[in-house]
Every structure is written in C-alpha cells, then in structure tokens.
Protein backbone atom coordinates (compact mmCIF):
# COMPACT_ATOMS: atom_id res chain seq x y z
CA MET A 1 -6.20 -19.20 -13.77
CA GLY A 2 -5.88 -16.73 -10.89
CA LEU A 3 -5.34 -13.00 -10.93
CA VAL A 4 -2.44 -11.69 -8.86
CA VAL A 5 -1.65 -8.05 -8.13
CA GLN A 6 2.01 -7.44 -7.32
CA LYS A 7 3.46 -4.20 -5.97
CA TYR A 8 7.19 -3.43 -6.07
CA GLY A 9 8.68 -0.70 -3.92
CA GLY A 10 11.37 1.76 -4.84
CA SER A 11 14.21 -0.33 -3.44
CA SER A 12 13.16 -3.27 -5.63
CA VAL A 13 13.42 -1.19 -8.83
CA ALA A 14 16.24 1.12 -7.71
CA ASP A 15 18.39 0.51 -10.79
CA ALA A 16 18.48 -1.32 -14.12
CA GLU A 17 19.58 -4.61 -12.54
CA GLY A 18 16.75 -4.39 -10.03
CA ILE A 19 14.21 -3.73 -12.77
CA LYS A 20 15.43 -6.76 -14.75
CA ARG A 21 15.30 -8.95 -11.63
CA VAL A 22 11.73 -7.82 -10.94
CA ALA A 23 10.76 -8.44 -14.58
CA LYS A 24 11.93 -12.06 -14.28
CA ARG A 25 9.83 -12.58 -11.14
CA ILE A 26 6.76 -11.12 -12.85
CA VAL A 27 7.23 -13.32 -15.90
CA GLU A 28 7.56 -16.35 -13.62
CA ALA A 29 4.17 -15.54 -12.06
CA LYS A 30 2.72 -15.27 -15.56
CA LYS A 31 4.22 -18.63 -16.55
CA ASN A 32 2.58 -20.20 -13.51
CA GLY A 33 -0.77 -19.54 -15.15
CA ASN A 34 -1.75 -16.30 -13.45
CA GLN A 35 -3.03 -13.09 -14.89
CA VAL A 36 -0.66 -10.46 -13.49
CA VAL A 37 -1.17 -6.80 -12.69
CA VAL A 38 1.85 -4.94 -11.33
CA VAL A 39 1.94 -1.68 -9.40
CA VAL A 40 5.32 0.00 -9.23
CA SER A 41 6.85 2.80 -7.17
CA ALA A 42 9.45 5.33 -8.28
CA MET A 43 13.02 4.09 -8.52
CA GLY A 44 14.97 4.17 -5.24
CA ASP A 45 14.88 7.61 -3.62
CA THR A 46 13.54 9.34 -6.73
CA THR A 47 10.50 10.81 -4.94
CA ASP A 48 12.67 12.23 -2.15
CA GLU A 49 15.07 13.66 -4.71
CA LEU A 50 12.19 15.34 -6.56
CA ILE A 51 10.95 16.82 -3.27
CA ASP A 52 14.44 18.15 -2.53
CA LEU A 53 14.61 19.65 -6.02
CA ALA A 54 11.24 21.34 -5.54
CA LYS A 55 12.46 22.88 -2.28
CA GLU A 56 15.43 24.37 -4.13
CA VAL A 57 13.27 26.19 -6.64
CA SER A 58 10.29 27.17 -4.48
CA PRO A 59 9.48 27.58 -0.77
CA VAL A 60 5.99 26.16 -1.38
CA GLN A 61 5.71 22.51 -2.47
CA THR A 62 1.99 21.86 -2.42
CA GLY A 63 -0.80 21.73 -4.94
CA ARG A 64 -1.30 20.73 -8.53
CA GLU A 65 2.19 21.31 -9.91
CA PHE A 66 3.82 19.43 -7.04
CA ASP A 67 1.67 16.41 -7.87
CA MET A 68 2.60 16.69 -11.53
CA LEU A 69 6.26 16.62 -10.51
CA LEU A 70 6.07 13.70 -8.08
CA THR A 71 4.12 11.39 -10.39
CA ALA A 72 6.98 11.50 -12.90
CA GLY A 73 8.97 8.97 -10.86
CA GLU A 74 6.38 6.20 -11.12
CA ARG A 75 5.85 6.82 -14.84
CA ILE A 76 9.56 6.27 -15.43
CA SER A 77 9.49 3.01 -13.47
CA MET A 78 6.41 1.59 -15.21
CA ALA A 79 7.78 2.25 -18.69
CA LEU A 80 11.20 0.74 -17.96
CA LEU A 81 9.63 -2.32 -16.33
CA ALA A 82 7.34 -2.88 -19.32
CA MET A 83 10.38 -2.70 -21.61
CA ALA A 84 12.26 -5.24 -19.45
CA ILE A 85 9.31 -7.65 -19.55
CA LYS A 86 9.03 -7.34 -23.34
CA SER A 87 12.74 -8.15 -23.64
CA LEU A 88 11.92 -11.49 -21.94
CA GLY A 89 9.41 -12.35 -24.65
CA HIS A 90 6.18 -11.38 -22.89
CA GLU A 91 3.75 -8.61 -23.69
CA ALA A 92 3.34 -5.78 -21.19
CA GLN A 93 1.42 -2.51 -21.21
CA SER A 94 2.04 0.39 -18.84
CA PHE A 95 -0.68 2.67 -17.48
CA THR A 96 -0.68 5.83 -15.40
CA GLY A 97 -3.00 5.97 -12.39
CA SER A 98 -5.62 7.90 -14.36
CA GLN A 99 -5.44 5.45 -17.28
CA ALA A 100 -5.88 2.59 -14.79
CA GLY A 101 -9.11 4.17 -13.54
CA LEU A 102 -8.08 5.34 -10.07
CA ILE A 103 -10.53 8.14 -9.31
CA THR A 104 -9.75 10.35 -6.30
CA ASP A 105 -10.99 13.44 -4.53
CA SER A 106 -9.34 16.80 -5.22
CA ALA A 107 -6.99 16.93 -2.22
CA HIS A 108 -3.57 17.34 -3.80
CA ASN A 109 -0.64 15.54 -2.13
CA LYS A 110 -2.92 13.36 0.03
CA ALA A 111 -5.86 12.41 -2.18
CA ARG A 112 -8.19 9.59 -1.20
CA ILE A 113 -9.53 7.02 -3.65
CA ILE A 114 -13.24 7.45 -4.43
CA ASP A 115 -13.63 4.73 -7.05
CA VAL A 116 -11.63 2.37 -9.25
CA THR A 117 -12.83 1.66 -12.80
CA PRO A 118 -10.20 -0.79 -14.11
CA GLY A 119 -11.76 -1.50 -17.49
CA ARG A 120 -8.55 -0.90 -19.45
CA ILE A 121 -6.55 -3.03 -17.02
CA GLN A 122 -9.02 -5.92 -17.21
CA THR A 123 -9.05 -5.74 -21.01
CA SER A 124 -5.26 -5.73 -21.12
CA VAL A 125 -4.84 -8.84 -18.96
CA ASP A 126 -7.70 -10.62 -20.78
CA GLU A 127 -5.73 -10.09 -23.98
CA GLY A 128 -2.76 -11.85 -22.39
CA ASN A 129 -0.73 -8.82 -21.40
CA ILE A 130 0.96 -8.06 -18.12
CA ALA A 131 -0.46 -4.72 -16.96
CA ILE A 132 1.99 -2.31 -15.28
CA VAL A 133 0.38 0.51 -13.28
CA ALA A 134 2.09 3.59 -11.85
CA GLY A 135 1.43 3.63 -8.13
CA PHE A 136 0.82 6.56 -5.79
CA GLN A 137 -1.37 8.51 -8.24
CA GLY A 138 -4.85 8.98 -9.60
CA VAL A 139 -7.07 11.59 -11.20
CA SER A 140 -9.48 13.97 -9.49
CA GLN A 141 -13.14 13.24 -10.11
CA ASP A 142 -13.99 16.95 -10.17
CA SER A 143 -11.03 18.81 -11.68
CA LYS A 144 -9.60 15.93 -13.75
CA ASP A 145 -6.16 16.94 -12.45
CA ILE A 146 -3.45 14.44 -11.56
CA THR A 147 -3.37 13.73 -7.81
CA THR A 148 -1.08 11.81 -5.48
CA LEU A 149 -2.14 9.61 -2.57
CA GLY A 150 0.55 10.63 -0.10
CA ARG A 151 3.71 8.78 0.90
CA GLY A 152 3.36 5.00 0.62
CA GLY A 153 0.38 5.44 -1.68
CA SER A 154 1.56 2.71 -4.06
CA ASP A 155 0.51 0.10 -1.48
CA THR A 156 -2.98 1.60 -1.45
CA THR A 157 -3.03 1.64 -5.27
CA ALA A 158 -2.20 -2.07 -5.33
CA VAL A 159 -4.86 -3.12 -2.82
CA ALA A 160 -7.50 -0.89 -4.46
CA LEU A 161 -6.81 -2.51 -7.84
CA ALA A 162 -6.83 -5.98 -6.26
CA ALA A 163 -10.28 -5.27 -4.80
CA ALA A 164 -11.65 -3.81 -8.05
CA LEU A 165 -10.30 -6.74 -10.10
CA ASP A 166 -11.35 -9.35 -7.50
CA ALA A 167 -7.76 -10.61 -7.35
CA ASP A 168 -6.80 -13.76 -5.47
CA VAL A 169 -4.03 -12.01 -3.58
CA CYS A 170 -2.13 -8.73 -3.40
CA GLU A 171 1.61 -9.31 -3.10
CA ILE A 172 3.60 -6.41 -1.65
CA TYR A 173 7.30 -6.75 -2.48
CA THR A 174 9.77 -4.79 -0.41
CA ASP A 175 13.38 -4.92 0.82
CA VAL A 176 12.73 -7.24 3.79
CA ASP A 177 11.34 -10.78 3.96
CA GLY A 178 8.01 -9.80 5.51
CA VAL A 179 6.51 -8.14 8.56
CA PHE A 180 8.82 -8.35 11.56
CA THR A 181 8.22 -7.99 15.29
CA ALA A 182 10.17 -4.71 15.04
CA ASP A 183 12.00 -2.70 12.42
CA PRO A 184 14.96 -4.96 11.50
CA ARG A 185 17.05 -1.85 10.87
CA VAL A 186 16.75 -1.10 14.60
CA VAL A 187 16.38 -4.58 16.12
CA LYS A 188 18.71 -7.04 14.41
CA LYS A 189 17.07 -9.97 16.21
CA ALA A 190 13.57 -9.06 15.09
CA ARG A 191 11.55 -12.14 14.17
CA LYS A 192 9.54 -12.53 10.96
CA ILE A 193 5.82 -13.03 11.51
CA ASP A 194 4.24 -15.78 9.40
CA TRP A 195 0.66 -14.51 9.66
CA ILE A 196 -0.91 -11.46 11.25
CA SER A 197 -4.53 -10.34 11.40
CA PHE A 198 -5.76 -7.18 9.72
CA GLU A 199 -6.50 -5.65 13.12
CA ASP A 200 -3.00 -6.18 14.53
CA MET A 201 -1.40 -5.01 11.28
CA LEU A 202 -3.55 -1.88 11.33
CA GLU A 203 -2.27 -1.04 14.80
CA LEU A 204 1.35 -1.67 13.79
CA ALA A 205 0.98 0.40 10.64
CA SER A 206 -0.71 3.31 12.41
CA SER A 207 1.97 3.17 15.11
CA GLY A 208 4.85 3.65 12.70
CA SER A 209 5.62 0.27 11.12
CA LYS A 210 6.78 1.24 7.63
CA VAL A 211 6.38 -2.08 5.84
CA LEU A 212 2.69 -1.38 5.05
CA LEU A 213 0.70 1.83 4.92
CA HIS A 214 -2.28 2.10 7.29
CA ARG A 215 -4.67 3.04 4.46
CA CYS A 216 -3.55 0.00 2.46
CA VAL A 217 -4.36 -2.40 5.32
CA GLU A 218 -7.70 -0.73 6.01
CA TYR A 219 -8.65 -1.08 2.34
CA ALA A 220 -7.63 -4.74 2.34
CA ARG A 221 -9.67 -5.44 5.49
CA ARG A 222 -12.73 -3.70 4.08
CA TYR A 223 -12.70 -5.80 0.90
CA ASN A 224 -11.14 -8.93 2.46
CA ILE A 225 -8.11 -8.94 0.16
CA PRO A 226 -5.27 -11.10 1.58
CA ILE A 227 -1.88 -9.40 1.43
CA HIS A 228 1.39 -11.30 1.11
CA VAL A 229 4.34 -9.15 2.18
CA ARG A 230 7.64 -10.52 0.89
CA SER A 231 11.02 -9.56 -0.50
CA SER A 232 11.80 -9.15 -4.18
CA PHE A 233 15.43 -9.99 -3.35
CA SER A 234 14.77 -13.56 -2.15
CA GLY A 235 12.44 -16.46 -2.86
CA LEU A 236 11.36 -16.88 0.76
CA GLN A 237 7.76 -16.95 1.90
CA GLY A 238 6.82 -13.71 3.59
CA THR A 239 4.02 -12.61 5.93
CA TRP A 240 0.34 -13.14 5.23
CA VAL A 241 -1.97 -10.35 6.37
CA SER A 242 -5.60 -11.42 6.37
CA SER A 243 -8.71 -12.03 8.45
CA GLU A 244 -7.56 -15.59 9.14
CA PRO A 245 -4.58 -17.83 8.26
CA PRO A 246 -4.29 -18.79 4.55
CA GLY A 247 -5.81 -22.24 5.04
CA GLY A 248 -9.08 -20.60 6.04
CA HIS A 249 -9.54 -18.18 3.16
CA GLU A 250 -12.73 -18.46 1.17
CA GLY A 251 -11.98 -17.90 -2.48
CA HIS A 252 -8.59 -16.32 -1.89
CA GLY A 253 -5.13 -17.78 -1.88
CA GLU A 254 -5.89 -21.42 -2.78
CA ASN A 255 -4.26 -21.20 -6.21
CA VAL A 256 -1.44 -18.86 -5.28
CA PRO A 257 1.88 -20.75 -5.26
CA GLY A 258 3.05 -21.34 -1.71
CA ALA A 259 -0.10 -20.05 -0.03
CA GLN A 260 -0.85 -23.33 1.72
CA ALA A 261 2.76 -24.20 2.43
CA ALA A 262 3.47 -20.74 3.77
CA LEU A 263 1.53 -21.39 6.93
CA LYS A 264 0.87 -25.07 7.53
CA SER A 265 1.19 -24.13 11.15
CA GLY A 266 -1.26 -21.24 10.82
CA GLU A 267 -4.04 -23.16 12.58
CA SER A 268 -1.77 -24.04 15.50
CA LYS A 269 0.21 -20.81 15.71
CA ARG A 270 -0.57 -17.15 15.83
CA ASN A 271 2.22 -14.74 14.95
CA GLY A 272 4.84 -17.36 15.68
CA GLN A 273 3.64 -18.13 19.22
CA GLY A 274 3.54 -21.81 20.08
CA GLU A 275 0.53 -23.98 20.99
CA GLU A 276 1.83 -24.41 24.49
CA GLU A 277 0.86 -20.82 25.23
CA SER A 278 -2.15 -20.32 27.49
CA MET A 279 -5.37 -19.78 25.54
CA GLU A 280 -5.96 -16.40 27.22
CA GLN A 281 -2.37 -15.25 27.40
CA ALA A 282 -1.65 -11.95 25.67
CA ILE A 283 -0.14 -12.57 22.25
CA ILE A 284 2.29 -9.85 21.28
CA SER A 285 2.52 -9.10 17.57
CA GLY A 286 5.37 -6.62 17.67
CA VAL A 287 6.88 -3.28 18.62
CA ALA A 288 6.53 -0.28 16.31
CA HIS A 289 8.09 3.16 16.48
CA ASP A 290 7.47 6.46 14.75
CA THR A 291 9.75 9.50 14.58
CA SER A 292 7.62 11.46 12.10
CA GLU A 293 5.36 13.08 14.69
CA ALA A 294 5.51 16.30 16.69
CA LYS A 295 3.75 17.41 19.86
CA ILE A 296 1.74 20.58 20.43
CA THR A 297 0.76 21.69 23.94
CA VAL A 298 -1.98 24.28 24.32
CA VAL A 299 -1.05 25.97 27.60
CA GLY A 300 -3.51 27.68 29.94
CA VAL A 301 -6.79 26.43 28.50
CA PRO A 302 -9.97 27.34 30.44
CA ASP A 303 -11.27 24.09 31.96
CA LYS A 304 -14.89 24.32 30.90
CA PRO A 305 -17.23 22.47 28.52
CA GLY A 306 -16.79 23.16 24.83
CA VAL A 307 -13.22 24.47 24.84
CA ALA A 308 -11.66 21.19 23.68
CA ALA A 309 -14.26 21.06 20.90
CA VAL A 310 -13.17 24.50 19.67
CA ILE A 311 -9.50 23.44 19.71
CA PHE A 312 -10.00 20.27 17.71
CA ARG A 313 -12.52 21.83 15.33
CA ALA A 314 -9.85 24.40 14.41
CA ILE A 315 -7.41 21.54 13.81
CA ALA A 316 -9.94 19.57 11.76
CA ASP A 317 -10.84 22.59 9.62
CA ALA A 318 -7.12 22.92 8.80
CA GLU A 319 -7.26 19.27 7.58
CA VAL A 320 -4.66 18.15 10.11
CA ASN A 321 -4.75 14.61 11.46
CA ILE A 322 -4.01 14.12 15.15
CA ASP A 323 -2.98 11.00 17.02
CA MET A 324 -2.57 10.97 20.81
CA VAL A 325 -4.40 13.46 23.06
CA VAL A 326 -3.79 14.11 26.76
CA GLN A 327 -5.41 16.72 29.02
CA ASN A 328 -3.87 17.54 32.37
CA VAL A 329 -5.87 17.99 35.56
CA SER A 330 -6.74 21.67 35.94
CA ALA A 331 -5.13 23.79 38.63
CA ALA A 332 -7.68 24.54 41.35
CA SER A 333 -6.38 28.08 41.82
CA THR A 334 -6.62 29.15 38.18
CA GLY A 335 -9.18 26.81 36.60
CA LEU A 336 -6.79 26.39 33.70
CA THR A 337 -5.39 23.21 32.16
CA ASP A 338 -3.01 22.10 29.39
CA ILE A 339 -3.98 19.96 26.40
CA SER A 340 -1.27 18.11 24.46
CA PHE A 341 -1.63 16.18 21.22
CA THR A 342 0.61 14.63 18.60
CA LEU A 343 0.41 15.12 14.84
CA PRO A 344 2.62 14.65 11.76
CA LYS A 345 5.62 16.98 11.72
CA SER A 346 4.73 17.97 8.18
CA GLU A 347 1.45 19.46 9.43
CA GLY A 348 2.85 21.26 12.47
CA ARG A 349 2.95 24.68 10.85
CA LYS A 350 -0.66 24.44 9.68
CA ALA A 351 -1.84 23.37 13.13
CA ILE A 352 -0.02 26.20 14.91
CA ALA A 353 -1.44 28.75 12.47
CA ALA A 354 -4.97 27.40 12.94
CA LEU A 355 -4.72 27.54 16.73
CA GLU A 356 -3.27 31.05 16.73
CA LYS A 357 -6.17 32.18 14.55
CA ALA A 358 -8.63 30.68 17.04
CA GLN A 359 -6.89 31.96 20.18
CA GLY A 360 -9.63 34.47 20.92
CA ALA A 361 -12.33 31.80 20.88
CA ILE A 362 -10.25 29.32 22.88
CA GLY A 363 -8.66 31.68 25.39
CA PHE A 364 -5.37 29.82 25.87
CA ASP A 365 -2.17 31.47 27.13
CA SER A 366 0.46 30.06 24.77
CA LEU A 367 1.48 27.21 22.44
CA ARG A 368 4.45 24.87 22.72
CA TYR A 369 5.75 22.94 19.72
CA ASP A 370 8.14 19.99 20.03
CA ASP A 371 9.32 18.00 17.01
CA GLN A 372 12.02 15.99 18.79
CA ILE A 373 9.74 13.22 20.00
CA ALA A 374 9.16 9.57 19.12
CA LYS A 375 6.30 7.16 19.66
CA ILE A 376 6.87 3.55 20.77
CA SER A 377 3.96 1.10 20.59
CA LEU A 378 3.45 -2.48 21.76
CA VAL A 379 0.77 -4.29 19.74
CA GLY A 380 -0.96 -7.58 20.44
CA ALA A 381 -4.21 -9.30 21.37
CA GLY A 382 -5.41 -9.86 24.91
CA MET A 383 -3.78 -6.82 26.50
CA LYS A 384 -6.99 -5.62 28.13
CA THR A 385 -7.32 -8.82 30.16
CA ASN A 386 -3.60 -9.11 30.99
CA PRO A 387 -2.49 -6.35 33.39
CA GLY A 388 1.01 -7.82 33.50
CA VAL A 389 1.60 -6.63 29.94
CA THR A 390 1.32 -2.99 30.93
CA ALA A 391 3.60 -3.47 33.93
CA ALA A 392 6.25 -5.29 31.87
CA PHE A 393 6.12 -2.60 29.18
CA PHE A 394 6.79 0.26 31.59
CA GLU A 395 9.37 -1.74 33.54
CA ALA A 396 11.35 -2.30 30.33
CA LEU A 397 11.35 1.43 29.61
CA SER A 398 12.29 2.20 33.20
CA GLN A 399 15.26 -0.17 33.11
CA ALA A 400 16.37 1.52 29.88
CA GLU A 401 16.13 4.86 31.75
CA VAL A 402 13.63 6.24 29.25
CA ASN A 403 11.35 9.06 30.36
CA ILE A 404 7.69 8.94 29.24
CA GLU A 405 5.83 12.09 28.19
CA LEU A 406 2.45 10.81 26.93
CA ILE A 407 0.58 7.50 27.22
CA SER A 408 -2.24 6.11 25.07
CA THR A 409 -3.85 2.66 25.11
CA SER A 410 -6.39 0.55 23.27
CA GLU A 411 -7.50 -3.06 23.61
CA ILE A 412 -4.55 -4.26 21.53
CA ARG A 413 -2.01 -1.43 21.84
CA ILE A 414 0.02 0.56 24.36
CA SER A 415 1.77 3.68 23.03
CA VAL A 416 4.07 6.16 24.72
CA VAL A 417 5.84 9.32 23.61
CA THR A 418 9.51 9.72 24.52
CA ARG A 419 12.48 11.77 23.35
CA GLU A 420 13.52 10.97 19.78
CA ASP A 421 17.08 10.21 20.96
CA ASP A 422 15.73 7.38 23.13
CA VAL A 423 13.68 5.59 20.49
CA ASN A 424 16.12 2.88 19.36
CA GLU A 425 17.07 1.89 22.89
CA SER A 426 13.39 1.87 23.90
CA VAL A 427 12.37 -0.41 21.03
CA ARG A 428 15.18 -2.88 21.75
CA ALA A 429 14.38 -2.94 25.48
CA VAL A 430 10.66 -3.60 24.97
CA HIS A 431 11.31 -6.14 22.22
CA SER A 432 13.64 -8.16 24.48
CA ALA A 433 11.38 -7.82 27.54
CA PHE A 434 8.55 -9.61 25.75
CA GLY A 435 10.72 -12.43 24.39
CA LEU A 436 10.39 -11.35 20.77
CA ASP A 437 14.09 -11.65 19.92
CA SER A 438 14.80 -14.31 17.31
CA GLU A 439 17.10 -17.18 18.27
CA SER A 440 18.11 -17.73 14.64
CA ASP A 441 20.00 -15.52 12.21
CA GLU A 442 19.67 -11.76 12.21
CA ALA A 443 16.98 -10.20 10.04
CA VAL A 444 18.18 -9.18 6.58
CA VAL A 445 17.49 -5.80 4.99
CA TYR A 446 18.31 -6.33 1.30
CA GLY A 447 18.18 -2.78 0.03
CA GLY A 448 16.76 0.69 0.43
CA THR A 449 17.92 3.55 2.58
CA GLY A 450 14.90 3.71 4.85
CA ARG A 451 14.69 7.36 3.86
C-alpha cells in the first residue's frame, strides 16, 4: 500500500459538479490500494472575491483578520469534498491547516512553514479514512494565530505534507494536462512536457510559470518528493517533476498507477527532445512570462562603495523580495549612476516608502516606478556553453519588434523585461524560434479564469 498526496486547485472544485468529479477520482485512488491525503484550494475565484470584498470595507487588507477571512474559502472546500466522498460510501475527515499540523512563522499573508507535525493526519489514514486538508494555511508557532502562505500556497501545503508523511508521490491537479513549454492560454501550440528536472522547473516557476509555485518545487527538491502535475478534468498522464525520470526513482513512484508507463521514453528523452539531438546541444524546457512585477529605478545614485548595500538593506528591512537588478555605467562628469530592479507589484508601495525614508543615507536624486512591465524567460540546460541560444533569443524578440529594458541570465535561464503590452507576442515569437510549437492538437485549458 502506498501513500499518495493529491492537491486540487480552485478550478477543479469550482462548483458542486466539480467537487463530485474530484471525489470520484479520490475514491478511485483509494480503491487502488493507496492511502490518500488530499489538499484542496478554495472554490474557483473565491479567494479573489474575498480580497475584493475586503477592499470594499477597508483600505488595509493585511494582518491577522485578513488571514482569518482568506482561510474561509479552503475550509468550505474541504468540508464539501468530505461530504461528497462520504456520499460515495467512503469515510473522509476534513482538517484545517492548524489541525493538520502545519506550523509557520508569524508573517501574516506570506507565512513560511517551520515544521509539519501530521500526527492527526497519519492516524486518520491509518484508520482507513481519506484525509482532506485545507491548503494555503497554517498556524503561527509563536502567536498561535491562523496564517496564510501566500498565493499558490496550497501547492506548498501538499508537498510539505507529502514530505512529512513520506508519501510516494505528490499529485498536483489543475486545469491543464501538465507543465507546458509555455502558458497554453497564450501559446495555443504549446507542447506538454513529459518530465522536467527540479532545477528547470524552479527556473520556470520563478520566472512566472503559474502551474507550480516556486516554493512548492523548492520544497519537493529538498526532500526529493516527485510531483505529478496533471488535470482533474481528464485521465491523461501529466508531467513528472523530479530529480530524474520516474524509472530512476528510489523508493518513489514504483507503485503509483501509470508512473512507469508515463515515461517509458524518459531514459531516451529529456523534456520531449529526441535522442538524435547532440549530447551537448542546449535543451530548452520552455518559455515563461510574468506580468506581476514592477520596476523601480533609483536615479542619481553616488557611484561609490557601500551605496548599493544601503539601498538593498532598506529594501530587505521592508521585507520586499527583488528579482532582477541592473546598474548603469556612471556618468564621468557627475559620478552618479542609476540602479534599477524589479519586484512584485504588490510590494511596490512598501519599497518606495522604504527608499524615501533612506534617501538621506543613499543620496539619490529621485525614484521612478513603472508597473507596466513584463518579464519573458527562456529556460533550459546547456545555455552557458551554447552562445547561439542567446543570439536566437534576441533575434526572435527583434523580429517581433520588441524593445528590451533589462536583461538577466543564469546557466539555465535568459530573462528580459519588456513592455507589458508586448508580452504575448514576445512569448509566441521566442517559443516558435526555438521549435517548441507542437505539431499535434492545440493545448487544452479545461477550466479556470487564470485570474
């Protein structure tokens, strides 16, 4: 008997019919001889609707009460799903994040998991129940208050539970058939990836791919938990995310239905690329884009040691995460330079306030804020040793007449910042330039608004 953790997103449980369909899939996994733990998100756009409601009653939507509000959506889903499973003749018990033993720090709205003590969950499944856990939430170790993990936190909940319970696999069910070479809502000819490494998936996730949260993948890599991304709307095999193809797992995946059949070609293919490819040729995993970031430019910064440290210490003390950083060459006549960086739009106001407070210590002239940008990233192995990849990437953007504002690279990623209006055309151009377009049917998005 194996233990499987399944996570269902909001689009999968958007209405009563969806909940009943998901309940049947869960019961099927139970009938196959598995112990089953399920993590569930709020129904459809419930979380967004709660956020909108909060904005109507208060200009400030942070802190303890906001977390209390947002966790209501998952509690509704878990209770309804447990009822649906019981109607099919199987026992199910629902648990909030705190009841499931998800211990977090005290950072409301973006808490991080400190520990998982799943004693009640383990007892429940040992007694023959299907355990249903509300995703996205936990309890503070210090204050004992309810906390939320930030958007997409249900994925992290699922992987954390899978690690704590030593599960065979963590199945992430969504509204597409797996991880694609681009967002199928933007690129209709995007190709489904059969298997992708943790490292490549981390880059895609951090670059804007919405199918998996970056923290979820990092957690899975740390504890070597294979993830199977698939659709709850079809019976198709999805995408395996792991350190190596399913056939090579040690202690994971052997007893999971379809694990071996999912990637018989896993030893001879990588991300759908054929064996005829050169051994050292760059292997492109996909193209990701992100429209949730903004850009801040600190204008007229004295070009001397220690100034950049003061800037980014002010940002760090405000608990703002930054992404890309670019410093211009200083003007010889003034000795001043500009420093630009990107950050989440939601944290733009905090960052501006922190920099204005530190203006005396930094000595900059002014600040520029731009929230009409987008980031496009090409991800794949072997880029560092293949200069043609960089040339082809920028040629594709040039032919699409897309202007580039910032550039950032790593060994397996090239990212650029462009205007938000250019993002869809940019993604399609790069996707086609690297031969990633599928020759078969268009990718299917079964549900969800992408909101």
